[in-house]
Amino acid sequence: MLKGTKSMNLSYSSIIDGKSVVYMSAQVPETGKSNCTKTIQDQEMYEANKAECRKDMAAFDELLWKLEDQGTVDTAKDTDTEEQGA
């Protein structure tokens, strides 16, 4: 018997002047109960750009919460369908 769960992985960075300042990742399994990590990769750049970094972190949180609130991760969508006509 094959048993398991599907999950979605998120990997994002807050980029300032072409450099990754904060790395954010999360795993959202079918249950919607996520595991999230945020890592400041450049403390000086973070201190100098807190507002922008925090804006990016808030956007990441919103994305994550939206997925959690869905309750399940829809990984079965067919993204290769073509529109007919035109």
PDB file of N, CA and C in Angstrom:
ATOM      1  N   MET A   1       0.845  -1.175   0.000  1.00  0.00           N
ATOM      2  CA  MET A   1       0.000   0.000   0.000  1.00  0.00           C
ATOM      3  C   MET A   1       0.891   1.238   0.000  1.00  0.00           C
ATOM      4  N   LEU A   2       0.571   2.151  -0.874  1.00  0.00           N
ATOM      5  CA  LEU A   2       1.267   3.426  -0.950  1.00  0.00           C
ATOM      6  C   LEU A   2       0.496   4.436  -0.124  1.00  0.00           C
ATOM      7  N   LYS A   3       1.183   5.039   0.838  1.00  0.00           N
ATOM      8  CA  LYS A   3       0.528   6.010   1.707  1.00  0.00           C
ATOM      9  C   LYS A   3       1.423   7.229   1.842  1.00  0.00           C
ATOM     10  N   GLY A   4       0.827   8.405   1.843  1.00  0.00           N
ATOM     11  CA  GLY A   4       1.621   9.623   1.975  1.00  0.00           C
ATOM     12  C   GLY A   4       0.737  10.852   1.926  1.00  0.00           C
ATOM     13  N   THR A   5       1.363  11.992   1.850  1.00  0.00           N
ATOM     14  CA  THR A   5       0.639  13.249   1.752  1.00  0.00           C
ATOM     15  C   THR A   5       1.280  14.110   0.682  1.00  0.00           C
ATOM     16  N   LYS A   6       0.476  15.007   0.132  1.00  0.00           N
ATOM     17  CA  LYS A   6       0.983  15.996  -0.810  1.00  0.00           C
ATOM     18  C   LYS A   6       1.254  17.274  -0.026  1.00  0.00           C
ATOM     19  N   SER A   7       2.227  18.028  -0.471  1.00  0.00           N
ATOM     20  CA  SER A   7       2.487  19.309   0.174  1.00  0.00           C
ATOM     21  C   SER A   7       3.008  20.295  -0.853  1.00  0.00           C
ATOM     22  N   MET A   8       2.964  21.569  -0.467  1.00  0.00           N
ATOM     23  CA  MET A   8       3.490  22.630  -1.308  1.00  0.00           C
ATOM     24  C   MET A   8       4.661  23.262  -0.563  1.00  0.00           C
ATOM     25  N   ASN A   9       5.735  23.513  -1.273  1.00  0.00           N
ATOM     26  CA  ASN A   9       6.889  24.180  -0.691  1.00  0.00           C
ATOM     27  C   ASN A   9       6.991  25.593  -1.238  1.00  0.00           C
ATOM     28  N   LEU A  10       7.229  26.537  -0.342  1.00  0.00           N
ATOM     29  CA  LEU A  10       7.428  27.935  -0.719  1.00  0.00           C
ATOM     30  C   LEU A  10       8.861  28.320  -0.391  1.00  0.00           C
ATOM     31  N   SER A  11       9.521  28.993  -1.301  1.00  0.00           N
ATOM     32  CA  SER A  11      10.875  29.506  -1.083  1.00  0.00           C
ATOM     33  C   SER A  11      10.952  30.902  -1.683  1.00  0.00           C
ATOM     34  N   TYR A  12      11.101  31.905  -0.825  1.00  0.00           N
ATOM     35  CA  TYR A  12      11.129  33.299  -1.267  1.00  0.00           C
ATOM     36  C   TYR A  12      12.283  34.021  -0.589  1.00  0.00           C
ATOM     37  N   SER A  13      12.719  35.125  -1.186  1.00  0.00           N
ATOM     38  CA  SER A  13      13.768  35.959  -0.605  1.00  0.00           C
ATOM     39  C   SER A  13      13.364  37.417  -0.700  1.00  0.00           C
ATOM     40  N   SER A  14      13.785  38.190   0.298  1.00  0.00           N
ATOM     41  CA  SER A  14      13.665  39.643   0.239  1.00  0.00           C
ATOM     42  C   SER A  14      14.966  40.130  -0.374  1.00  0.00           C
ATOM     43  N   ILE A  15      14.889  40.683  -1.576  1.00  0.00           N
ATOM     44  CA  ILE A  15      16.068  41.100  -2.326  1.00  0.00           C
ATOM     45  C   ILE A  15      16.216  42.615  -2.239  1.00  0.00           C
ATOM     46  N   ILE A  16      17.370  43.071  -1.785  1.00  0.00           N
ATOM     47  CA  ILE A  16      17.698  44.495  -1.708  1.00  0.00           C
ATOM     48  C   ILE A  16      18.993  44.702  -2.485  1.00  0.00           C
ATOM     49  N   ASP A  17      18.972  45.596  -3.453  1.00  0.00           N
ATOM     50  CA  ASP A  17      20.145  45.879  -4.292  1.00  0.00           C
ATOM     51  C   ASP A  17      20.763  44.607  -4.859  1.00  0.00           C
ATOM     52  N   GLY A  18      19.896  43.678  -5.298  1.00  0.00           N
ATOM     53  CA  GLY A  18      20.356  42.445  -5.923  1.00  0.00           C
ATOM     54  C   GLY A  18      20.862  41.381  -4.962  1.00  0.00           C
ATOM     55  N   LYS A  19      20.749  41.626  -3.659  1.00  0.00           N
ATOM     56  CA  LYS A  19      21.267  40.688  -2.666  1.00  0.00           C
ATOM     57  C   LYS A  19      20.131  40.132  -1.813  1.00  0.00           C
ATOM     58  N   SER A  20      20.166  38.824  -1.554  1.00  0.00           N
ATOM     59  CA  SER A  20      19.173  38.198  -0.690  1.00  0.00           C
ATOM     60  C   SER A  20      19.470  38.582   0.762  1.00  0.00           C
ATOM     61  N   VAL A  21      18.533  39.313   1.371  1.00  0.00           N
ATOM     62  CA  VAL A  21      18.725  39.798   2.740  1.00  0.00           C
ATOM     63  C   VAL A  21      17.988  38.900   3.736  1.00  0.00           C
ATOM     64  N   VAL A  22      16.775  38.483   3.375  1.00  0.00           N
ATOM     65  CA  VAL A  22      15.994  37.578   4.219  1.00  0.00           C
ATOM     66  C   VAL A  22      15.501  36.431   3.345  1.00  0.00           C
ATOM     67  N   TYR A  23      15.734  35.204   3.803  1.00  0.00           N
ATOM     68  CA  TYR A  23      15.246  34.015   3.117  1.00  0.00           C
ATOM     69  C   TYR A  23      14.047  33.481   3.894  1.00  0.00           C
ATOM     70  N   MET A  24      12.964  33.176   3.181  1.00  0.00           N
ATOM     71  CA  MET A  24      11.750  32.670   3.805  1.00  0.00           C
ATOM     72  C   MET A  24      11.336  31.383   3.111  1.00  0.00           C
ATOM     73  N   SER A  25      11.013  30.377   3.905  1.00  0.00           N
ATOM     74  CA  SER A  25      10.552  29.119   3.328  1.00  0.00           C
ATOM     75  C   SER A  25       9.449  28.544   4.195  1.00  0.00           C
ATOM     76  N   ALA A  26       8.605  27.747   3.562  1.00  0.00           N
ATOM     77  CA  ALA A  26       7.520  27.089   4.286  1.00  0.00           C
ATOM     78  C   ALA A  26       7.123  25.825   3.544  1.00  0.00           C
ATOM     79  N   GLN A  27       6.629  24.880   4.304  1.00  0.00           N
ATOM     80  CA  GLN A  27       6.045  23.675   3.736  1.00  0.00           C
ATOM     81  C   GLN A  27       4.606  23.627   4.231  1.00  0.00           C
ATOM     82  N   VAL A  28       3.685  23.450   3.291  1.00  0.00           N
ATOM     83  CA  VAL A  28       2.266  23.402   3.631  1.00  0.00           C
ATOM     84  C   VAL A  28       1.723  22.046   3.165  1.00  0.00           C
ATOM     85  N   PRO A  29       1.516  21.108   4.095  1.00  0.00           N
ATOM     86  CA  PRO A  29       0.951  19.813   3.711  1.00  0.00           C
ATOM     87  C   PRO A  29      -0.550  19.919   3.478  1.00  0.00           C
ATOM     88  N   GLU A  30      -1.148  18.832   3.015  1.00  0.00           N
ATOM     89  CA  GLU A  30      -2.578  18.802   2.739  1.00  0.00           C
ATOM     90  C   GLU A  30      -3.411  19.284   3.917  1.00  0.00           C
ATOM     91  N   THR A  31      -2.949  19.033   5.120  1.00  0.00           N
ATOM     92  CA  THR A  31      -3.701  19.402   6.320  1.00  0.00           C
ATOM     93  C   THR A  31      -3.781  20.911   6.500  1.00  0.00           C
ATOM     94  N   GLY A  32      -2.901  21.654   5.835  1.00  0.00           N
ATOM     95  CA  GLY A  32      -2.883  23.102   5.964  1.00  0.00           C
ATOM     96  C   GLY A  32      -2.085  23.583   7.163  1.00  0.00           C
ATOM     97  N   LYS A  33      -1.500  22.671   7.928  1.00  0.00           N
ATOM     98  CA  LYS A  33      -0.695  23.036   9.100  1.00  0.00           C
ATOM     99  C   LYS A  33       0.749  23.209   8.649  1.00  0.00           C
ATOM    100  N   SER A  34       1.173  24.453   8.546  1.00  0.00           N
ATOM    101  CA  SER A  34       2.450  24.739   7.903  1.00  0.00           C
ATOM    102  C   SER A  34       3.634  24.748   8.875  1.00  0.00           C
ATOM    103  N   ASN A  35       4.814  24.697   8.267  1.00  0.00           N
ATOM    104  CA  ASN A  35       6.074  24.847   8.963  1.00  0.00           C
ATOM    105  C   ASN A  35       6.816  25.957   8.227  1.00  0.00           C
ATOM    106  N   CYS A  36       7.162  27.043   8.941  1.00  0.00           N
ATOM    107  CA  CYS A  36       7.714  28.240   8.303  1.00  0.00           C
ATOM    108  C   CYS A  36       9.033  28.628   8.950  1.00  0.00           C
ATOM    109  N   THR A  37       9.979  29.064   8.116  1.00  0.00           N
ATOM    110  CA  THR A  37      11.278  29.528   8.595  1.00  0.00           C
ATOM    111  C   THR A  37      11.645  30.826   7.884  1.00  0.00           C
ATOM    112  N   LYS A  38      12.163  31.779   8.644  1.00  0.00           N
ATOM    113  CA  LYS A  38      12.689  33.024   8.076  1.00  0.00           C
ATOM    114  C   LYS A  38      14.100  33.205   8.623  1.00  0.00           C
ATOM    115  N   THR A  39      15.038  33.493   7.711  1.00  0.00           N
ATOM    116  CA  THR A  39      16.433  33.635   8.092  1.00  0.00           C
ATOM    117  C   THR A  39      16.982  34.948   7.560  1.00  0.00           C
ATOM    118  N   ILE A  40      17.486  35.779   8.458  1.00  0.00           N
ATOM    119  CA  ILE A  40      18.156  37.014   8.032  1.00  0.00           C
ATOM    120  C   ILE A  40      19.559  36.619   7.584  1.00  0.00           C
ATOM    121  N   GLN A  41      19.851  36.872   6.328  1.00  0.00           N
ATOM    122  CA  GLN A  41      21.125  36.456   5.752  1.00  0.00           C
ATOM    123  C   GLN A  41      22.178  37.555   5.792  1.00  0.00           C
ATOM    124  N   ASP A  42      21.749  38.798   5.876  1.00  0.00           N
ATOM    125  CA  ASP A  42      22.684  39.919   5.936  1.00  0.00           C
ATOM    126  C   ASP A  42      22.137  40.917   6.962  1.00  0.00           C
ATOM    127  N   GLN A  43      22.650  40.851   8.177  1.00  0.00           N
ATOM    128  CA  GLN A  43      22.131  41.659   9.273  1.00  0.00           C
ATOM    129  C   GLN A  43      22.259  43.158   9.004  1.00  0.00           C
ATOM    130  N   GLU A  44      23.377  43.592   8.461  1.00  0.00           N
ATOM    131  CA  GLU A  44      23.569  45.016   8.176  1.00  0.00           C
ATOM    132  C   GLU A  44      22.563  45.529   7.145  1.00  0.00           C
ATOM    133  N   MET A  45      22.378  44.773   6.075  1.00  0.00           N
ATOM    134  CA  MET A  45      21.412  45.165   5.048  1.00  0.00           C
ATOM    135  C   MET A  45      19.995  45.143   5.611  1.00  0.00           C
ATOM    136  N   TYR A  46      19.717  44.179   6.476  1.00  0.00           N
ATOM    137  CA  TYR A  46      18.397  44.102   7.091  1.00  0.00           C
ATOM    138  C   TYR A  46      18.148  45.341   7.949  1.00  0.00           C
ATOM    139  N   GLU A  47      19.119  45.704   8.795  1.00  0.00           N
ATOM    140  CA  GLU A  47      18.972  46.871   9.672  1.00  0.00           C
ATOM    141  C   GLU A  47      18.768  48.146   8.852  1.00  0.00           C
ATOM    142  N   ALA A  48      19.464  48.250   7.743  1.00  0.00           N
ATOM    143  CA  ALA A  48      19.373  49.447   6.905  1.00  0.00           C
ATOM    144  C   ALA A  48      18.086  49.483   6.063  1.00  0.00           C
ATOM    145  N   ASN A  49      17.435  48.336   5.903  1.00  0.00           N
ATOM    146  CA  ASN A  49      16.256  48.242   5.031  1.00  0.00           C
ATOM    147  C   ASN A  49      15.111  47.493   5.704  1.00  0.00           C
ATOM    148  N   LYS A  50      14.939  47.703   7.006  1.00  0.00           N
ATOM    149  CA  LYS A  50      13.930  46.962   7.763  1.00  0.00           C
ATOM    150  C   LYS A  50      12.533  47.102   7.176  1.00  0.00           C
ATOM    151  N   ALA A  51      12.145  48.302   6.805  1.00  0.00           N
ATOM    152  CA  ALA A  51      10.786  48.519   6.307  1.00  0.00           C
ATOM    153  C   ALA A  51      10.516  47.670   5.067  1.00  0.00           C
ATOM    154  N   GLU A  52      11.434  47.664   4.123  1.00  0.00           N
ATOM    155  CA  GLU A  52      11.254  46.886   2.891  1.00  0.00           C
ATOM    156  C   GLU A  52      11.276  45.388   3.182  1.00  0.00           C
ATOM    157  N   CYS A  53      12.207  44.955   4.032  1.00  0.00           N
ATOM    158  CA  CYS A  53      12.284  43.532   4.381  1.00  0.00           C
ATOM    159  C   CYS A  53      11.013  43.079   5.087  1.00  0.00           C
ATOM    160  N   ARG A  54      10.533  43.889   6.022  1.00  0.00           N
ATOM    161  CA  ARG A  54       9.318  43.533   6.756  1.00  0.00           C
ATOM    162  C   ARG A  54       8.088  43.539   5.850  1.00  0.00           C
ATOM    163  N   LYS A  55       8.091  44.400   4.854  1.00  0.00           N
ATOM    164  CA  LYS A  55       7.005  44.401   3.871  1.00  0.00           C
ATOM    165  C   LYS A  55       7.019  43.078   3.098  1.00  0.00           C
ATOM    166  N   ASP A  56       8.197  42.635   2.691  1.00  0.00           N
ATOM    167  CA  ASP A  56       8.325  41.359   1.986  1.00  0.00           C
ATOM    168  C   ASP A  56       7.923  40.192   2.888  1.00  0.00           C
ATOM    169  N   MET A  57       8.323  40.233   4.155  1.00  0.00           N
ATOM    170  CA  MET A  57       7.959  39.161   5.084  1.00  0.00           C
ATOM    171  C   MET A  57       6.450  39.126   5.305  1.00  0.00           C
ATOM    172  N   ALA A  58       5.821  40.289   5.369  1.00  0.00           N
ATOM    173  CA  ALA A  58       4.369  40.347   5.528  1.00  0.00           C
ATOM    174  C   ALA A  58       3.668  39.767   4.299  1.00  0.00           C
ATOM    175  N   ALA A  59       4.188  40.049   3.115  1.00  0.00           N
ATOM    176  CA  ALA A  59       3.614  39.504   1.880  1.00  0.00           C
ATOM    177  C   ALA A  59       3.752  37.977   1.867  1.00  0.00           C
ATOM    178  N   PHE A  60       4.889  37.474   2.326  1.00  0.00           N
ATOM    179  CA  PHE A  60       5.099  36.032   2.424  1.00  0.00           C
ATOM    180  C   PHE A  60       4.098  35.427   3.400  1.00  0.00           C
ATOM    181  N   ASP A  61       3.926  36.065   4.565  1.00  0.00           N
ATOM    182  CA  ASP A  61       2.966  35.573   5.554  1.00  0.00           C
ATOM    183  C   ASP A  61       1.555  35.517   4.975  1.00  0.00           C
ATOM    184  N   GLU A  62       1.157  36.553   4.255  1.00  0.00           N
ATOM    185  CA  GLU A  62      -0.177  36.576   3.649  1.00  0.00           C
ATOM    186  C   GLU A  62      -0.360  35.413   2.671  1.00  0.00           C
ATOM    187  N   LEU A  63       0.660  35.159   1.860  1.00  0.00           N
ATOM    188  CA  LEU A  63       0.612  34.045   0.921  1.00  0.00           C
ATOM    189  C   LEU A  63       0.480  32.720   1.667  1.00  0.00           C
ATOM    190  N   LEU A  64       1.267  32.558   2.710  1.00  0.00           N
ATOM    191  CA  LEU A  64       1.237  31.336   3.503  1.00  0.00           C
ATOM    192  C   LEU A  64      -0.120  31.157   4.181  1.00  0.00           C
ATOM    193  N   TRP A  65      -0.636  32.219   4.776  1.00  0.00           N
ATOM    194  CA  TRP A  65      -1.926  32.129   5.461  1.00  0.00           C
ATOM    195  C   TRP A  65      -3.044  31.776   4.496  1.00  0.00           C
ATOM    196  N   LYS A  66      -2.977  32.311   3.289  1.00  0.00           N
ATOM    197  CA  LYS A  66      -3.985  31.992   2.285  1.00  0.00           C
ATOM    198  C   LYS A  66      -3.983  30.492   1.998  1.00  0.00           C
ATOM    199  N   LEU A  67      -2.797  29.919   1.856  1.00  0.00           N
ATOM    200  CA  LEU A  67      -2.694  28.478   1.609  1.00  0.00           C
ATOM    201  C   LEU A  67      -3.190  27.683   2.816  1.00  0.00           C
ATOM    202  N   GLU A  68      -2.843  28.123   4.022  1.00  0.00           N
ATOM    203  CA  GLU A  68      -3.310  27.437   5.230  1.00  0.00           C
ATOM    204  C   GLU A  68      -4.833  27.467   5.310  1.00  0.00           C
ATOM    205  N   ASP A  69      -5.416  28.621   4.999  1.00  0.00           N
ATOM    206  CA  ASP A  69      -6.866  28.788   5.105  1.00  0.00           C
ATOM    207  C   ASP A  69      -7.625  27.950   4.085  1.00  0.00           C
ATOM    208  N   GLN A  70      -6.964  27.588   3.003  1.00  0.00           N
ATOM    209  CA  GLN A  70      -7.603  26.729   2.011  1.00  0.00           C
ATOM    210  C   GLN A  70      -7.810  25.331   2.572  1.00  0.00           C
ATOM    211  N   GLY A  71      -7.031  24.951   3.581  1.00  0.00           N
ATOM    212  CA  GLY A  71      -7.200  23.657   4.230  1.00  0.00           C
ATOM    213  C   GLY A  71      -6.489  22.520   3.543  1.00  0.00           C
ATOM    214  N   THR A  72      -6.441  22.549   2.236  1.00  0.00           N
ATOM    215  CA  THR A  72      -5.727  21.524   1.492  1.00  0.00           C
ATOM    216  C   THR A  72      -4.959  22.209   0.369  1.00  0.00           C
ATOM    217  N   VAL A  73      -3.946  21.556  -0.083  1.00  0.00           N
ATOM    218  CA  VAL A  73      -3.131  22.082  -1.172  1.00  0.00           C
ATOM    219  C   VAL A  73      -3.596  21.433  -2.457  1.00  0.00           C
ATOM    220  N   ASP A  74      -4.007  22.235  -3.416  1.00  0.00           N
ATOM    221  CA  ASP A  74      -4.487  21.719  -4.690  1.00  0.00           C
ATOM    222  C   ASP A  74      -3.314  21.543  -5.645  1.00  0.00           C
ATOM    223  N   THR A  75      -2.720  20.349  -5.627  1.00  0.00           N
ATOM    224  CA  THR A  75      -1.598  20.066  -6.516  1.00  0.00           C
ATOM    225  C   THR A  75      -2.048  19.309  -7.753  1.00  0.00           C
ATOM    226  N   ALA A  76      -3.351  19.068  -7.874  1.00  0.00           N
ATOM    227  CA  ALA A  76      -3.855  18.277  -8.995  1.00  0.00           C
ATOM    228  C   ALA A  76      -4.301  19.137 -10.170  1.00  0.00           C
ATOM    229  N   LYS A  77      -4.154  20.441 -10.086  1.00  0.00           N
ATOM    230  CA  LYS A  77      -4.577  21.301 -11.186  1.00  0.00           C
ATOM    231  C   LYS A  77      -3.769  21.014 -12.444  1.00  0.00           C
ATOM    232  N   ASP A  78      -4.451  20.999 -13.562  1.00  0.00           N
ATOM    233  CA  ASP A  78      -3.787  20.796 -14.839  1.00  0.00           C
ATOM    234  C   ASP A  78      -3.400  22.163 -15.379  1.00  0.00           C
ATOM    235  N   THR A  79      -2.121  22.477 -15.329  1.00  0.00           N
ATOM    236  CA  THR A  79      -1.658  23.794 -15.770  1.00  0.00           C
ATOM    237  C   THR A  79      -1.277  23.806 -17.243  1.00  0.00           C
ATOM    238  N   ASP A  80      -1.395  22.662 -17.907  1.00  0.00           N
ATOM    239  CA  ASP A  80      -0.999  22.593 -19.310  1.00  0.00           C
ATOM    240  C   ASP A  80      -2.197  22.600 -20.258  1.00  0.00           C
ATOM    241  N   THR A  81      -3.361  22.980 -19.779  1.00  0.00           N
ATOM    242  CA  THR A  81      -4.520  23.013 -20.673  1.00  0.00           C
ATOM    243  C   THR A  81      -4.439  24.219 -21.576  1.00  0.00           C
ATOM    244  N   GLU A  82      -4.899  24.070 -22.790  1.00  0.00           N
ATOM    245  CA  GLU A  82      -4.910  25.157 -23.755  1.00  0.00           C
ATOM    246  C   GLU A  82      -6.330  25.593 -24.026  1.00  0.00           C
ATOM    247  N   GLU A  83      -6.513  26.866 -24.245  1.00  0.00           N
ATOM    248  CA  GLU A  83      -7.831  27.368 -24.603  1.00  0.00           C
ATOM    249  C   GLU A  83      -8.140  26.986 -26.040  1.00  0.00           C
ATOM    250  N   GLN A  84      -9.392  26.602 -26.267  1.00  0.00           N
ATOM    251  CA  GLN A  84      -9.814  26.275 -27.620  1.00  0.00           C
ATOM    252  C   GLN A  84     -10.399  27.502 -28.292  1.00  0.00           C
ATOM    253  N   GLY A  85     -10.329  27.563 -29.588  1.00  0.00           N
ATOM    254  CA  GLY A  85     -10.838  28.712 -30.331  1.00  0.00           C
ATOM    255  C   GLY A  85      -9.762  29.763 -30.474  1.00  0.00           C
ATOM    256  N   ALA A  86     -10.141  30.967 -30.692  1.00  0.00           N
ATOM    257  CA  ALA A  86      -9.240  32.129 -30.811  1.00  0.00           C
ATOM    258  C   ALA A  86      -8.744  32.347 -32.175  1.00  0.00           C
TER     259      ALA A  86
END
